[in-house]
Amino acid sequence: MRMKRQLPDISELKNVMKFGKPTLDRRAARLDKAADVWDLRKISRRRIPKAAFDYVDGAARDEVTYRESRDFFREIRLLPNVLTGADDVKLSTTIAGADSSLPFGIAPTGFTRFMHSEGEDAGSAAATAAGIPFTLSTMGTRSVEEVARTSGTGRRWFQLYLWKNHAACEDLIDRAAATGYDTLVVTVDTPVAGQRLRDTRNGMRIPPRLTLGTVVDAAWRPEWWFNFLSTDPVTFASLTSTTSTLGELVNTMFDPALSFEDLAWIRQQWKGKLFVKGILNPADARKVIDLGADGVVVSSHGGRQLDRVVNTLQALEAVKAEVGDEAEIIYDSGIMSGTDIAIALALGADFVLIGRAYLYGLMAGGREGVDRVIELLSAELKNTAQLLGVTDIAELNRSHVITPWQAQREHELS
């Protein structure tokens, strides 16, 4: 039977033919089209020179850990509860003795202004606006004082690498305390630099060195090129000697002899909250807590240090089993969505840090790009929580996730 046709109703056409107003703000337009962090990654890859993009996107050696950190999330299945009246979700939490509007903050990242000229200025300001902590790296391109100014009343954390020069290290700790950083995050998984082959092939150095290849690569990315040449030089603001490859710099300045005794010394120097970052072994978590750390950051350094390490989410669960409620646990590896955040919280994390996701937003659109990342992750987390049937992210627990290793254990016992 043929369909009966009629002339279009003009009034109905008016209802559907509504076009958005054109805008000259191309940055806002492209960011608005991004449906998730992966879209921001695509934008940043188009707009940022290869060396800078690969520094963010790459990892150590064969990048097995980097790929698996995403595979682990994809293999986990969620088990929702229904009819729970989850019309709204409380996303705020407390971490390191103070409030955070969301259960995630910005992780420490190095070389940040090479990714985008706004660098830590954008990240710290966006974090303050969102009510979440911003973590400045020892390898950051703004000083502790500069970030204190751009973050204003926001929460500031400082990430510390222990240097061979302990006096200089102590000076950094004192400066962070004097400028209002409330939490020190000591990274312990970098006694030497990981072998990041993409960076080696791209000739990554500090300050950035322009070659014919980098000039050609940057030439069709005019915004990055203009910003790089018209803003202050990119340097590691907390370091004194910075003319070398990244690996050479780390191996020259950092202390490969870092030990638990050194951590005890740092605990004596720092009076605020102290977290130890780079923990995967439950026994190590126990030791640092016994030495006075207030918490640990379960992290594989985004796969950028030792390749082929253990499943970081399984490590998270094991660390939680070891320390229980004695200390707070932050998770930091592979987070790219609000669902990833929900999974980490359900497996025992009290809080999450975002690294690559933050930088993809920064590279895609500076401060507005970071705002967009936070907006996307918040909306995704709220949606996931509502579909799981919780009204407070504190309600997320082990019953909401089914993991491959759990299924394997159950199969072996059957």
Protein backbone atom coordinates (compact mmCIF):
# COMPACT_ATOMS: atom_id res chain seq x y z
CA MET A 1 0.00 0.00 0.00
CA ARG A 2 1.39 3.38 -1.01
CA MET A 3 1.86 6.16 1.55
CA LYS A 4 -0.58 9.02 1.40
CA ARG A 5 1.25 12.27 0.69
CA GLN A 6 0.37 15.90 1.30
CA LEU A 7 1.90 19.32 0.92
CA PRO A 8 4.27 20.30 3.77
CA ASP A 9 2.72 22.31 6.60
CA ILE A 10 4.55 25.64 6.67
CA SER A 11 4.04 26.06 10.43
CA GLU A 12 5.67 22.68 11.07
CA LEU A 13 8.60 23.56 8.82
CA LYS A 14 9.19 26.68 10.91
CA ASN A 15 9.49 24.52 14.04
CA VAL A 16 12.19 22.27 12.59
CA MET A 17 14.09 24.83 10.52
CA LYS A 18 15.86 26.58 13.38
CA PHE A 19 19.52 27.28 12.77
CA GLY A 20 22.11 28.27 15.34
CA LYS A 21 23.55 31.74 15.21
CA PRO A 22 26.88 31.92 13.37
CA THR A 23 29.87 32.74 15.55
CA LEU A 24 33.30 34.16 14.86
CA ASP A 25 34.69 32.40 17.97
CA ARG A 26 36.08 29.32 16.23
CA ARG A 27 37.66 27.96 19.40
CA ALA A 28 34.31 27.91 21.19
CA ALA A 29 32.61 26.41 18.14
CA ARG A 30 35.01 23.47 17.82
CA LEU A 31 35.04 22.79 21.56
CA ASP A 32 31.26 22.80 21.67
CA LYS A 33 31.19 20.06 19.03
CA ALA A 34 33.37 17.77 21.14
CA ALA A 35 31.13 15.04 22.59
CA ASP A 36 33.84 13.48 24.76
CA VAL A 37 37.54 13.64 25.62
CA TRP A 38 38.43 11.49 22.62
CA ASP A 39 37.00 14.21 20.37
CA LEU A 40 39.24 16.73 22.11
CA ARG A 41 42.18 14.43 21.46
CA LYS A 42 41.37 14.47 17.74
CA ILE A 43 41.19 18.26 17.75
CA SER A 44 44.49 18.59 19.59
CA ARG A 45 46.23 16.19 17.22
CA ARG A 46 45.27 18.44 14.31
CA ARG A 47 46.32 21.67 16.03
CA ILE A 48 49.49 20.75 17.91
CA PRO A 49 52.93 19.90 16.49
CA LYS A 50 53.84 16.23 16.50
CA ALA A 51 56.59 16.50 19.13
CA ALA A 52 54.26 18.17 21.65
CA PHE A 53 51.33 15.87 20.91
CA ASP A 54 53.49 12.74 21.16
CA TYR A 55 54.92 13.91 24.48
CA VAL A 56 51.37 13.80 25.88
CA ASP A 57 50.05 10.86 23.91
CA GLY A 58 53.08 8.59 24.12
CA ALA A 59 54.49 6.33 26.80
CA ALA A 60 57.51 4.16 27.61
CA ARG A 61 59.06 1.52 25.36
CA ASP A 62 56.38 -0.51 23.51
CA GLU A 63 53.57 1.42 25.24
CA VAL A 64 51.98 -1.81 26.47
CA THR A 65 51.04 -0.35 29.85
CA TYR A 66 49.56 2.72 28.18
CA ARG A 67 47.29 0.63 25.94
CA GLU A 68 46.36 -1.80 28.68
CA SER A 69 45.34 1.01 31.03
CA ARG A 70 42.52 1.70 28.60
CA ASP A 71 41.82 -1.99 27.94
CA PHE A 72 41.34 -2.62 31.67
CA PHE A 73 38.57 -0.04 31.82
CA ARG A 74 36.88 -1.43 28.70
CA GLU A 75 36.86 -4.97 30.12
CA ILE A 76 35.01 -3.99 33.30
CA ARG A 77 31.23 -4.35 33.36
CA LEU A 78 28.81 -2.31 35.47
CA LEU A 79 25.96 -3.71 37.57
CA PRO A 80 23.26 -1.07 38.19
CA ASN A 81 20.52 -0.86 40.77
CA VAL A 82 17.10 0.37 39.60
CA LEU A 83 14.18 2.25 41.15
CA THR A 84 16.44 4.06 43.60
CA GLY A 85 15.08 7.57 43.04
CA ALA A 86 18.38 8.87 41.63
CA ASP A 87 16.93 12.11 40.31
CA ASP A 88 20.08 13.97 41.31
CA VAL A 89 23.62 13.02 42.32
CA LYS A 90 25.94 14.56 44.89
CA LEU A 91 29.32 14.80 43.14
CA SER A 92 31.22 16.73 45.82
CA THR A 93 33.61 15.03 48.21
CA THR A 94 36.44 15.68 50.64
CA ILE A 95 40.06 14.81 49.94
CA ALA A 96 43.29 15.63 51.76
CA GLY A 97 41.40 17.41 54.50
CA ALA A 98 39.32 19.80 52.40
CA ASP A 99 36.37 19.95 50.03
CA SER A 100 36.34 19.34 46.30
CA SER A 101 33.27 20.06 44.17
CA LEU A 102 34.02 16.96 42.09
CA PRO A 103 35.75 13.65 42.87
CA PHE A 104 38.61 14.42 40.50
CA GLY A 105 41.39 16.97 40.17
CA ILE A 106 44.14 17.90 37.73
CA ALA A 107 47.25 15.75 37.84
CA PRO A 108 50.80 17.13 37.76
CA THR A 109 52.12 17.45 34.21
CA GLY A 110 55.49 18.60 32.96
CA PHE A 111 56.47 20.77 29.99
CA THR A 112 52.88 22.05 29.98
CA ARG A 113 53.32 25.36 28.15
CA PHE A 114 54.90 23.49 25.23
CA MET A 115 51.48 21.85 24.71
CA HIS A 116 49.73 25.21 24.76
CA SER A 117 51.07 28.63 25.66
CA GLU A 118 48.43 29.05 28.40
CA GLY A 119 49.74 25.94 30.18
CA GLU A 120 49.44 25.94 33.96
CA ASP A 121 47.75 29.34 33.83
CA ALA A 122 44.78 27.72 32.09
CA GLY A 123 44.80 24.55 34.18
CA SER A 124 44.97 26.25 37.56
CA ALA A 125 42.35 28.88 36.70
CA ALA A 126 39.96 26.26 35.33
CA ALA A 127 40.44 24.10 38.43
CA THR A 128 39.67 27.04 40.70
CA ALA A 129 36.52 27.86 38.72
CA ALA A 130 35.38 24.23 39.01
CA GLY A 131 36.22 23.97 42.72
CA ILE A 132 38.75 21.15 42.30
CA PRO A 133 42.47 20.83 43.19
CA PHE A 134 45.22 21.68 40.71
CA THR A 135 48.57 19.91 41.08
CA LEU A 136 51.71 21.73 39.94
CA SER A 137 54.59 19.52 38.85
CA THR A 138 58.24 20.01 39.75
CA MET A 139 58.67 19.82 35.95
CA GLY A 140 56.03 22.51 35.43
CA THR A 141 56.58 25.57 33.26
CA ARG A 142 55.23 28.00 35.86
CA SER A 143 56.68 28.51 39.34
CA VAL A 144 54.86 27.84 42.59
CA GLU A 145 54.43 31.59 43.03
CA GLU A 146 53.01 32.11 39.52
CA VAL A 147 50.46 29.33 39.93
CA ALA A 148 49.52 30.71 43.33
CA ARG A 149 48.55 33.93 41.58
CA THR A 150 46.61 32.34 38.71
CA SER A 151 44.75 29.90 40.95
CA GLY A 152 43.71 32.60 43.42
CA THR A 153 41.59 31.08 46.17
CA GLY A 154 41.60 27.61 44.60
CA ARG A 155 43.20 24.53 46.12
CA ARG A 156 46.81 24.00 45.12
CA TRP A 157 48.83 20.82 45.46
CA PHE A 158 52.54 20.53 44.69
CA GLN A 159 54.11 17.43 43.18
CA LEU A 160 57.69 16.83 44.25
CA TYR A 161 60.52 14.81 42.71
CA LEU A 162 63.40 14.30 45.08
CA TRP A 163 66.57 15.83 43.66
CA LYS A 164 70.14 14.90 44.40
CA ASN A 165 70.45 18.44 45.76
CA HIS A 166 68.31 18.07 48.89
CA ALA A 167 68.81 21.69 49.89
CA ALA A 168 67.17 22.86 46.66
CA CYS A 169 64.42 20.34 47.25
CA GLU A 170 63.83 21.71 50.74
CA ASP A 171 63.66 25.24 49.32
CA LEU A 172 60.90 24.16 46.92
CA ILE A 173 58.96 22.59 49.78
CA ASP A 174 59.23 25.78 51.81
CA ARG A 175 58.13 27.94 48.87
CA ALA A 176 55.09 25.74 48.26
CA ALA A 177 54.08 25.94 51.92
CA ALA A 178 54.57 29.70 51.98
CA THR A 179 52.32 30.22 48.95
CA GLY A 180 49.36 28.19 50.17
CA TYR A 181 49.81 24.71 48.70
CA ASP A 182 47.94 22.45 51.12
CA THR A 183 49.09 19.02 49.89
CA LEU A 184 52.44 17.62 48.81
CA VAL A 185 52.42 14.75 46.30
CA VAL A 186 55.78 12.94 46.30
CA THR A 187 56.39 10.93 43.12
CA VAL A 188 58.50 7.82 43.80
CA ASP A 189 58.34 5.86 40.53
CA THR A 190 60.93 8.00 38.71
CA PRO A 191 64.38 7.15 40.10
CA VAL A 192 65.52 7.34 36.48
CA ALA A 193 63.73 8.43 33.32
CA GLY A 194 61.57 5.95 31.48
CA GLN A 195 62.56 5.19 27.90
CA ARG A 196 60.01 7.21 25.94
CA LEU A 197 60.86 6.33 22.39
CA ARG A 198 58.53 8.82 20.74
CA ASP A 199 60.30 11.67 22.55
CA THR A 200 63.70 10.30 21.58
CA ARG A 201 62.71 10.10 17.92
CA ASN A 202 61.21 13.60 18.05
CA GLY A 203 64.32 15.04 19.72
CA MET A 204 62.41 16.52 22.66
CA ARG A 205 64.53 19.00 24.60
CA ILE A 206 64.10 21.82 27.08
CA PRO A 207 64.06 24.58 25.96
CA PRO A 208 62.38 23.34 22.76
CA ARG A 209 64.81 23.32 19.84
CA LEU A 210 63.50 24.34 16.45
CA THR A 211 64.78 22.28 13.53
CA LEU A 212 63.74 22.28 9.89
CA GLY A 213 61.42 19.38 10.66
CA THR A 214 59.72 21.08 13.61
CA VAL A 215 59.36 24.32 11.68
CA VAL A 216 57.66 22.53 8.80
CA ASP A 217 55.45 20.57 11.20
CA ALA A 218 54.40 23.72 13.06
CA ALA A 219 53.98 25.89 9.97
CA TRP A 220 50.50 24.62 9.18
CA ARG A 221 49.49 25.08 12.82
CA PRO A 222 49.71 28.89 12.86
CA GLU A 223 48.05 29.48 16.25
CA TRP A 224 50.54 27.27 18.10
CA TRP A 225 53.42 28.78 16.14
CA PHE A 226 52.34 32.36 16.86
CA ASN A 227 51.81 31.67 20.57
CA PHE A 228 55.16 29.91 20.88
CA LEU A 229 57.06 32.84 19.39
CA SER A 230 55.11 35.67 21.04
CA THR A 231 55.03 34.51 24.68
CA ASP A 232 57.78 34.07 27.26
CA PRO A 233 60.19 31.16 26.66
CA VAL A 234 59.17 27.68 27.76
CA THR A 235 61.37 26.49 30.63
CA PHE A 236 61.01 24.27 33.67
CA ALA A 237 60.28 27.05 36.15
CA SER A 238 61.45 25.13 39.23
CA LEU A 239 64.75 23.96 37.76
CA THR A 240 68.02 25.84 37.36
CA SER A 241 69.77 23.86 34.62
CA THR A 242 67.41 23.00 31.80
CA THR A 243 69.40 22.64 28.59
CA SER A 244 69.27 18.94 27.70
CA THR A 245 66.98 16.19 26.57
CA LEU A 246 64.26 15.27 29.00
CA GLY A 247 65.84 11.94 29.85
CA GLU A 248 69.23 13.54 30.47
CA LEU A 249 67.66 16.17 32.70
CA VAL A 250 65.85 13.60 34.86
CA ASN A 251 68.88 11.35 35.16
CA THR A 252 71.13 14.29 36.06
CA MET A 253 68.94 16.01 38.65
CA PHE A 254 66.77 13.29 40.20
CA ASP A 255 68.01 10.98 42.93
CA PRO A 256 68.02 7.28 41.93
CA ALA A 257 68.97 6.43 45.49
CA LEU A 258 65.58 7.65 46.79
CA SER A 259 64.63 5.48 49.76
CA PHE A 260 62.10 5.19 52.55
CA GLU A 261 64.51 7.18 54.73
CA ASP A 262 64.26 10.06 52.26
CA LEU A 263 60.48 9.88 52.43
CA ALA A 264 60.69 10.09 56.22
CA TRP A 265 62.86 13.22 55.79
CA ILE A 266 60.28 14.79 53.48
CA ARG A 267 57.54 13.99 56.00
CA GLN A 268 59.50 15.97 58.60
CA GLN A 269 59.88 18.95 56.26
CA TRP A 270 56.25 19.13 55.12
CA LYS A 271 53.59 19.91 57.72
CA GLY A 272 50.56 19.62 55.43
CA LYS A 273 48.91 16.59 53.88
CA LEU A 274 51.34 14.24 52.14
CA PHE A 275 50.53 11.69 49.42
CA VAL A 276 52.97 9.27 47.79
CA LYS A 277 52.46 8.83 44.04
CA GLY A 278 53.49 5.82 41.98
CA ILE A 279 52.31 3.04 44.29
CA LEU A 280 51.31 -0.29 42.72
CA ASN A 281 52.50 -2.78 45.34
CA PRO A 282 50.29 -3.14 48.47
CA ALA A 283 53.41 -3.76 50.58
CA ASP A 284 54.82 -0.39 49.49
CA ALA A 285 51.51 1.26 50.33
CA ARG A 286 51.72 -0.17 53.84
CA LYS A 287 55.29 1.10 54.32
CA VAL A 288 54.61 4.68 53.25
CA ILE A 289 51.48 4.88 55.40
CA ASP A 290 53.45 3.58 58.38
CA LEU A 291 56.02 6.32 57.70
CA GLY A 292 53.34 8.98 58.07
CA ALA A 293 51.92 9.54 54.60
CA ASP A 294 48.28 10.61 54.65
CA GLY A 295 47.52 8.72 51.47
CA VAL A 296 48.80 7.10 48.30
CA VAL A 297 48.32 7.67 44.60
CA VAL A 298 47.95 4.38 42.75
CA SER A 299 49.57 5.15 39.41
CA SER A 300 51.66 3.66 36.62
CA HIS A 301 52.71 7.20 35.62
CA GLY A 302 50.42 6.82 32.64
CA GLY A 303 52.67 4.05 31.34
CA ARG A 304 55.46 6.62 30.92
CA GLN A 305 58.02 4.99 33.22
CA LEU A 306 58.28 1.18 33.47
CA ASP A 307 56.42 -0.53 30.65
CA ARG A 308 54.45 -3.76 31.20
CA VAL A 309 53.61 -3.17 34.84
CA VAL A 310 50.67 -4.83 36.54
CA ASN A 311 47.00 -4.02 35.92
CA THR A 312 46.63 -0.65 37.64
CA LEU A 313 42.93 -1.14 38.49
CA GLN A 314 43.66 -4.52 40.02
CA ALA A 315 46.52 -2.86 41.93
CA LEU A 316 44.04 -0.24 43.15
CA GLU A 317 41.81 -2.94 44.60
CA ALA A 318 44.78 -4.70 46.21
CA VAL A 319 46.04 -1.47 47.79
CA LYS A 320 42.56 -0.77 49.13
CA ALA A 321 42.47 -4.23 50.68
CA GLU A 322 45.80 -3.52 52.38
CA VAL A 323 45.25 -0.03 53.80
CA GLY A 324 41.45 -0.06 54.19
CA ASP A 325 40.25 3.19 55.71
CA GLU A 326 43.59 4.04 57.34
CA ALA A 327 44.55 6.36 54.49
CA GLU A 328 43.04 8.00 51.44
CA ILE A 329 43.64 6.50 48.01
CA ILE A 330 43.83 8.49 44.79
CA TYR A 331 43.81 6.77 41.40
CA ASP A 332 45.72 8.22 38.43
CA SER A 333 46.10 6.19 35.22
CA GLY A 334 44.08 6.00 32.02
CA ILE A 335 41.07 8.12 33.05
CA MET A 336 39.29 9.39 29.94
CA SER A 337 35.60 9.52 30.90
CA GLY A 338 33.17 9.95 33.75
CA THR A 339 32.46 6.23 33.60
CA ASP A 340 36.19 5.58 34.17
CA ILE A 341 36.01 7.79 37.25
CA ALA A 342 32.98 5.87 38.55
CA ILE A 343 34.83 2.57 38.06
CA ALA A 344 37.89 3.78 39.96
CA LEU A 345 35.74 5.03 42.83
CA ALA A 346 33.83 1.73 42.95
CA LEU A 347 37.13 -0.20 43.14
CA GLY A 348 38.27 1.72 46.21
CA ALA A 349 39.61 5.11 45.16
CA ASP A 350 38.58 8.14 47.20
CA PHE A 351 39.56 10.52 44.43
CA VAL A 352 40.93 10.54 40.88
CA LEU A 353 43.46 12.65 38.99
CA ILE A 354 43.28 13.40 35.26
CA GLY A 355 46.48 13.90 33.25
CA ARG A 356 46.23 13.18 29.53
CA ALA A 357 42.53 14.06 29.48
CA TYR A 358 43.34 17.49 30.90
CA LEU A 359 46.14 18.04 28.39
CA TYR A 360 43.99 17.03 25.42
CA GLY A 361 41.56 19.75 26.43
CA LEU A 362 44.38 22.24 26.94
CA MET A 363 45.87 21.49 23.52
CA ALA A 364 42.46 21.66 21.85
CA GLY A 365 41.53 25.07 23.24
CA GLY A 366 43.59 26.49 26.10
CA ARG A 367 41.62 27.54 29.18
CA GLU A 368 38.28 26.94 27.41
CA GLY A 369 39.45 23.44 26.47
CA VAL A 370 40.25 22.60 30.09
CA ASP A 371 36.83 23.93 31.12
CA ARG A 372 35.29 21.66 28.47
CA VAL A 373 37.11 18.58 29.79
CA ILE A 374 35.86 19.23 33.31
CA GLU A 375 32.34 19.84 31.99
CA LEU A 376 32.32 16.62 29.94
CA LEU A 377 33.70 14.44 32.74
CA SER A 378 31.26 15.89 35.27
CA ALA A 379 28.26 15.29 33.02
CA GLU A 380 29.39 11.75 32.17
CA LEU A 381 30.00 10.91 35.84
CA LYS A 382 26.59 12.20 36.87
CA ASN A 383 24.88 10.25 34.07
CA THR A 384 26.75 7.05 34.96
CA ALA A 385 25.92 7.43 38.65
CA GLN A 386 22.23 7.98 37.92
CA LEU A 387 22.10 4.93 35.66
CA LEU A 388 23.86 2.90 38.36
CA GLY A 389 21.18 4.03 40.79
CA VAL A 390 23.23 6.09 43.26
CA THR A 391 22.44 9.56 44.59
CA ASP A 392 25.90 10.23 46.04
CA ILE A 393 29.22 9.20 44.51
CA ALA A 394 30.20 7.99 47.99
CA GLU A 395 27.69 5.17 47.44
CA LEU A 396 29.74 3.69 44.58
CA ASN A 397 31.22 0.40 45.73
CA ARG A 398 32.52 -3.00 44.65
CA SER A 399 29.01 -4.32 44.02
CA HIS A 400 28.65 -1.96 41.05
CA VAL A 401 31.51 -3.48 39.01
CA ILE A 402 32.36 -6.91 37.66
CA THR A 403 36.03 -7.27 36.75
CA PRO A 404 37.79 -9.85 34.55
CA TRP A 405 39.94 -11.00 37.46
CA GLN A 406 36.85 -11.45 39.61
CA ALA A 407 35.19 -13.53 36.90
CA GLN A 408 38.37 -15.59 36.56
CA ARG A 409 38.46 -16.32 40.32
CA GLU A 410 34.82 -17.35 40.32
CA HIS A 411 35.44 -19.65 37.34
CA GLU A 412 38.41 -21.28 39.10
CA LEU A 413 36.34 -21.88 42.24
CA SER A 414 33.39 -23.40 40.39
